[in-house]
Amino acid sequence: MNNSAQTSAAPPILVARGLSKTYGAGHAAVHALRDVDLDLPPGELVVLLGASGSGKSTLLNLIGGLDKPTAGSLHYRNWDVGRAGEKGVTAYRRDVVGFVFQFYNLIASLTARENIGLITEVSRDPMSPDEALELVGLTPRSHHFPAQLSGGEQQRVAIARAIAKRPDILLCDEPTGALDIKTGVLVLEAVQRINRELGTLTVVITHNAVLAEMADRVFTMSDGRLSPPQLNHNPRPVRELSW
């Protein structure tokens, strides 16, 4: 049974209604997100497609508690993320959400294992750094420093760091944007494996329509609006995608 079949009947863990974000006011206002409705069940792999400036990163920042909506609501398991205080949002970011960005943000003076350890030391129920590295296929590189790792390896360390705290939600903002195609495949395979083996709700932002074939559902964004999703009944392994 594929992931979409497993999750379709599950109640959503993340629900957005009329979610909007505006920067500035008056004639200078920028409507980055407009009236987004979204239900995301556990274990789903979702791809957000859209051109630069379409609202993808704004939506991801709101889901991740990095920003607050101007209007509408966002609930995680019936808890109101958008209206929570700073203490609650900090706990949400720490315990519930894992982030992977285009750039790796690893600490140069720490090994791969030590970079992950920074997260596991402050998490409620983390896996070990070694377990996280094994999930992304980097056990042999655990004692290497970032400068000794390739770009793809550094990104996989960043993924291991994000999932070591066992997040319910993994948010990936252009995780292969700084990588060549061959290296990007390895990174996406790590994301896909984590989604399947850990059952982590995974949202991947990309401008590459080919990557939509790996997802359970695909949403397209334009001018801050979210189009109805395309359901993929047979998500493909990353290596089968036509690059």
Protein backbone atom coordinates (compact mmCIF):
# COMPACT_ATOMS: atom_id res chain seq x y z
CA MET A 1 0.00 0.00 0.00
CA ASN A 2 1.46 3.37 -0.96
CA ASN A 3 1.78 6.32 1.34
CA SER A 4 -1.18 8.24 -0.09
CA ALA A 5 -3.49 5.29 0.47
CA GLN A 6 -2.32 4.97 4.05
CA THR A 7 -2.80 8.62 4.88
CA SER A 8 -5.95 9.47 2.90
CA ALA A 9 -8.26 8.21 5.65
CA ALA A 10 -6.24 9.73 8.50
CA PRO A 11 -7.47 13.01 10.00
CA PRO A 12 -5.24 15.95 9.13
CA ILE A 13 -2.63 17.06 11.65
CA LEU A 14 -2.32 20.48 10.01
CA VAL A 15 -5.34 22.55 8.94
CA ALA A 16 -5.27 26.02 7.37
CA ARG A 17 -8.39 28.07 6.68
CA GLY A 18 -8.34 31.41 4.87
CA LEU A 19 -4.63 31.71 5.66
CA SER A 20 -3.29 35.03 4.42
CA LYS A 21 -0.13 37.09 4.80
CA THR A 22 0.30 40.73 3.85
CA TYR A 23 3.46 42.77 4.21
CA GLY A 24 3.15 46.54 4.45
CA ALA A 25 -0.02 48.59 4.13
CA GLY A 26 -1.94 50.75 1.71
CA HIS A 27 -0.60 51.07 -1.84
CA ALA A 28 2.68 49.48 -0.75
CA ALA A 29 1.03 46.31 0.60
CA VAL A 30 2.31 43.01 -0.73
CA HIS A 31 -0.20 40.16 -0.55
CA ALA A 32 2.19 37.22 -0.24
CA LEU A 33 -0.49 34.68 0.64
CA ARG A 34 -4.21 34.87 -0.13
CA ASP A 35 -6.98 32.81 1.53
CA VAL A 36 -5.24 29.43 1.56
CA ASP A 37 -7.23 26.39 2.70
CA LEU A 38 -5.13 23.30 3.31
CA ASP A 39 -5.54 19.94 5.08
CA LEU A 40 -2.39 17.84 5.55
CA PRO A 41 -2.60 14.33 7.06
CA PRO A 42 0.29 12.56 8.78
CA GLY A 43 2.78 10.67 6.64
CA GLU A 44 1.98 12.46 3.39
CA LEU A 45 4.66 13.69 0.98
CA VAL A 46 3.54 17.00 -0.52
CA VAL A 47 5.24 19.09 -3.19
CA LEU A 48 4.58 22.82 -3.57
CA LEU A 49 5.31 24.07 -7.09
CA GLY A 50 5.46 27.65 -8.25
CA ALA A 51 7.63 30.42 -9.59
CA SER A 52 9.74 32.63 -7.38
CA GLY A 53 7.47 35.03 -5.49
CA SER A 54 4.38 32.82 -5.81
CA GLY A 55 4.00 32.44 -2.04
CA LYS A 56 5.58 29.02 -1.46
CA SER A 57 8.15 30.13 1.11
CA THR A 58 5.61 32.36 2.87
CA LEU A 59 3.29 29.39 3.30
CA LEU A 60 6.15 27.23 4.57
CA ASN A 61 7.21 29.92 7.05
CA LEU A 62 3.67 30.10 8.44
CA ILE A 63 3.38 26.31 8.71
CA GLY A 64 6.73 26.23 10.48
CA GLY A 65 5.88 28.97 12.97
CA LEU A 66 8.59 31.28 11.59
CA ASP A 67 6.00 33.95 10.81
CA LYS A 68 2.43 34.76 11.82
CA PRO A 69 -0.55 35.09 9.47
CA THR A 70 -2.26 38.40 8.85
CA ALA A 71 -5.62 36.67 8.61
CA GLY A 72 -7.10 33.18 8.75
CA SER A 73 -6.15 30.27 10.97
CA LEU A 74 -3.57 27.51 11.16
CA HIS A 75 -4.06 24.60 13.54
CA TYR A 76 -1.71 21.76 14.43
CA ARG A 77 -3.72 18.96 16.06
CA ASN A 78 -6.38 21.52 17.09
CA TRP A 79 -3.74 23.86 18.56
CA ASP A 80 -3.82 27.36 17.08
CA VAL A 81 -0.32 28.02 15.73
CA GLY A 82 -1.11 31.44 14.31
CA ARG A 83 -2.40 32.88 17.58
CA ALA A 84 0.00 31.17 19.98
CA GLY A 85 2.37 33.15 22.16
CA GLU A 86 6.10 33.17 21.62
CA LYS A 87 6.72 30.46 24.21
CA GLY A 88 4.24 28.12 22.55
CA VAL A 89 5.56 28.80 19.04
CA THR A 90 9.13 28.20 20.21
CA ALA A 91 8.11 24.83 21.63
CA TYR A 92 6.27 24.03 18.38
CA ARG A 93 9.36 24.81 16.29
CA ARG A 94 11.58 22.85 18.66
CA ASP A 95 9.44 19.74 19.11
CA VAL A 96 7.12 19.44 16.11
CA VAL A 97 8.80 20.88 13.02
CA GLY A 98 12.05 20.01 11.25
CA PHE A 99 13.47 22.48 8.74
CA VAL A 100 15.70 21.89 5.71
CA PHE A 101 16.72 24.93 3.68
CA GLN A 102 18.60 25.43 0.41
CA PHE A 103 21.77 26.24 2.34
CA TYR A 104 22.96 23.88 5.00
CA ASN A 105 23.77 26.16 7.97
CA LEU A 106 26.13 23.64 9.54
CA ILE A 107 28.63 24.76 12.18
CA ALA A 108 32.05 24.52 10.58
CA SER A 109 33.92 23.65 13.78
CA LEU A 110 31.70 20.64 14.56
CA THR A 111 31.64 17.21 12.94
CA ALA A 112 28.53 15.88 11.22
CA ARG A 113 27.67 13.90 14.34
CA GLU A 114 28.25 16.91 16.61
CA ASN A 115 26.06 19.16 14.43
CA ILE A 116 23.20 16.73 14.91
CA GLY A 117 23.97 16.38 18.60
CA LEU A 118 23.19 20.06 19.13
CA ILE A 119 19.57 19.27 18.27
CA THR A 120 19.25 15.99 20.11
CA GLU A 121 20.50 17.57 23.34
CA VAL A 122 17.47 19.89 23.51
CA SER A 123 14.79 17.56 22.08
CA ARG A 124 12.16 15.67 24.05
CA ASP A 125 12.52 12.22 22.51
CA PRO A 126 15.31 12.30 19.94
CA MET A 127 16.91 9.49 18.04
CA SER A 128 20.67 9.25 18.39
CA PRO A 129 22.90 11.21 15.96
CA ASP A 130 24.20 7.88 14.67
CA GLU A 131 20.67 6.68 13.90
CA ALA A 132 19.87 9.92 12.07
CA LEU A 133 23.06 9.68 10.01
CA GLU A 134 22.27 6.07 9.12
CA LEU A 135 18.85 7.14 7.78
CA VAL A 136 20.53 9.50 5.29
CA GLY A 137 23.32 7.07 4.43
CA LEU A 138 26.19 8.98 6.03
CA THR A 139 27.40 6.71 8.82
CA PRO A 140 30.94 6.54 7.35
CA ARG A 141 31.16 10.36 7.33
CA SER A 142 29.95 10.97 10.89
CA HIS A 143 33.30 12.29 12.17
CA HIS A 144 33.99 14.56 9.19
CA PHE A 145 33.73 18.33 9.39
CA PRO A 146 31.53 20.25 6.91
CA ALA A 147 34.56 21.38 4.89
CA GLN A 148 35.41 17.70 4.35
CA LEU A 149 31.94 16.92 2.97
CA SER A 150 30.48 17.52 -0.48
CA GLY A 151 27.49 19.81 -0.90
CA GLY A 152 25.13 16.85 -1.12
CA GLU A 153 26.63 15.29 1.99
CA GLN A 154 26.26 18.55 3.91
CA GLN A 155 22.61 18.76 2.88
CA ARG A 156 22.03 15.19 4.04
CA VAL A 157 23.60 16.09 7.39
CA ALA A 158 21.16 19.01 7.52
CA ILE A 159 18.30 16.57 6.86
CA ALA A 160 19.59 14.21 9.56
CA ARG A 161 19.74 17.15 11.97
CA ALA A 162 16.16 18.11 11.11
CA ILE A 163 14.74 14.62 11.64
CA ALA A 164 16.80 13.60 14.68
CA LYS A 165 14.19 15.12 17.00
CA ARG A 166 11.49 12.93 15.37
CA PRO A 167 9.37 15.83 14.09
CA ASP A 168 5.78 15.35 13.03
CA ILE A 169 6.36 17.77 10.15
CA LEU A 170 9.42 18.11 7.89
CA LEU A 171 9.60 21.29 5.80
CA CYS A 172 12.09 21.43 2.91
CA ASP A 173 12.60 24.74 1.06
CA GLU A 174 14.37 24.04 -2.27
CA PRO A 175 16.59 21.36 -0.69
CA THR A 176 18.34 20.64 -4.00
CA GLY A 177 18.51 24.24 -5.24
CA ALA A 178 22.27 24.57 -4.73
CA LEU A 179 23.13 21.06 -6.00
CA ASP A 180 23.75 19.40 -9.34
CA ILE A 181 21.24 16.81 -10.56
CA LYS A 182 23.19 13.71 -9.51
CA THR A 183 23.76 15.05 -6.01
CA GLY A 184 20.18 16.29 -5.78
CA VAL A 185 18.93 12.75 -6.42
CA LEU A 186 20.77 11.50 -3.33
CA VAL A 187 19.26 14.28 -1.21
CA LEU A 188 15.73 13.63 -2.45
CA GLU A 189 16.15 9.91 -1.85
CA ALA A 190 16.98 10.72 1.76
CA VAL A 191 13.84 12.88 2.05
CA GLN A 192 11.69 10.17 0.47
CA ARG A 193 13.13 7.45 2.72
CA ILE A 194 12.44 9.49 5.86
CA ASN A 195 8.88 10.14 4.75
CA ARG A 196 8.24 6.45 4.13
CA GLU A 197 10.09 4.95 7.10
CA LEU A 198 9.24 7.49 9.80
CA GLY A 199 5.79 8.51 8.54
CA THR A 200 6.72 12.18 8.81
CA LEU A 201 4.43 14.67 7.07
CA THR A 202 6.84 16.13 4.52
CA VAL A 203 6.36 19.32 2.51
CA VAL A 204 8.89 20.08 -0.23
CA ILE A 205 9.09 23.42 -2.01
CA THR A 206 10.53 23.34 -5.51
CA HIS A 207 10.27 25.05 -8.88
CA ASN A 208 11.09 21.77 -10.64
CA ALA A 209 7.88 20.17 -11.93
CA VAL A 210 9.63 16.81 -12.41
CA LEU A 211 9.84 16.36 -8.64
CA ALA A 212 6.06 16.35 -8.49
CA GLU A 213 6.19 12.70 -9.54
CA MET A 214 7.61 11.68 -6.14
CA ALA A 215 4.77 13.25 -4.16
CA ASP A 216 1.43 11.95 -2.90
CA ARG A 217 -0.15 15.32 -3.70
CA VAL A 218 1.07 18.33 -5.66
CA PHE A 219 -0.08 21.90 -5.08
CA THR A 220 0.73 24.76 -7.44
CA MET A 221 1.01 28.32 -6.16
CA SER A 222 0.62 31.53 -8.11
CA ASP A 223 0.23 35.10 -6.87
CA GLY A 224 -0.17 33.89 -3.29
CA ARG A 225 -3.00 31.50 -4.11
CA LEU A 226 -3.03 27.71 -3.81
CA SER A 227 -4.56 25.71 -6.66
CA PRO A 228 -6.53 22.50 -5.98
CA PRO A 229 -4.13 19.58 -5.51
CA GLN A 230 -3.15 16.99 -8.06
CA LEU A 231 -3.38 13.52 -6.49
CA ASN A 232 -0.64 11.08 -7.44
CA HIS A 233 -1.81 7.49 -6.90
CA ASN A 234 1.61 6.02 -7.73
CA PRO A 235 4.45 8.20 -6.41
CA ARG A 236 7.69 7.26 -8.12
CA PRO A 237 11.09 6.53 -6.58
CA VAL A 238 13.40 9.48 -7.13
CA ARG A 239 15.79 7.56 -9.40
CA GLU A 240 12.93 6.81 -11.83
CA LEU A 241 12.14 10.48 -12.39
CA SER A 242 12.86 11.88 -15.85
CA TRP A 243 15.27 14.72 -15.13
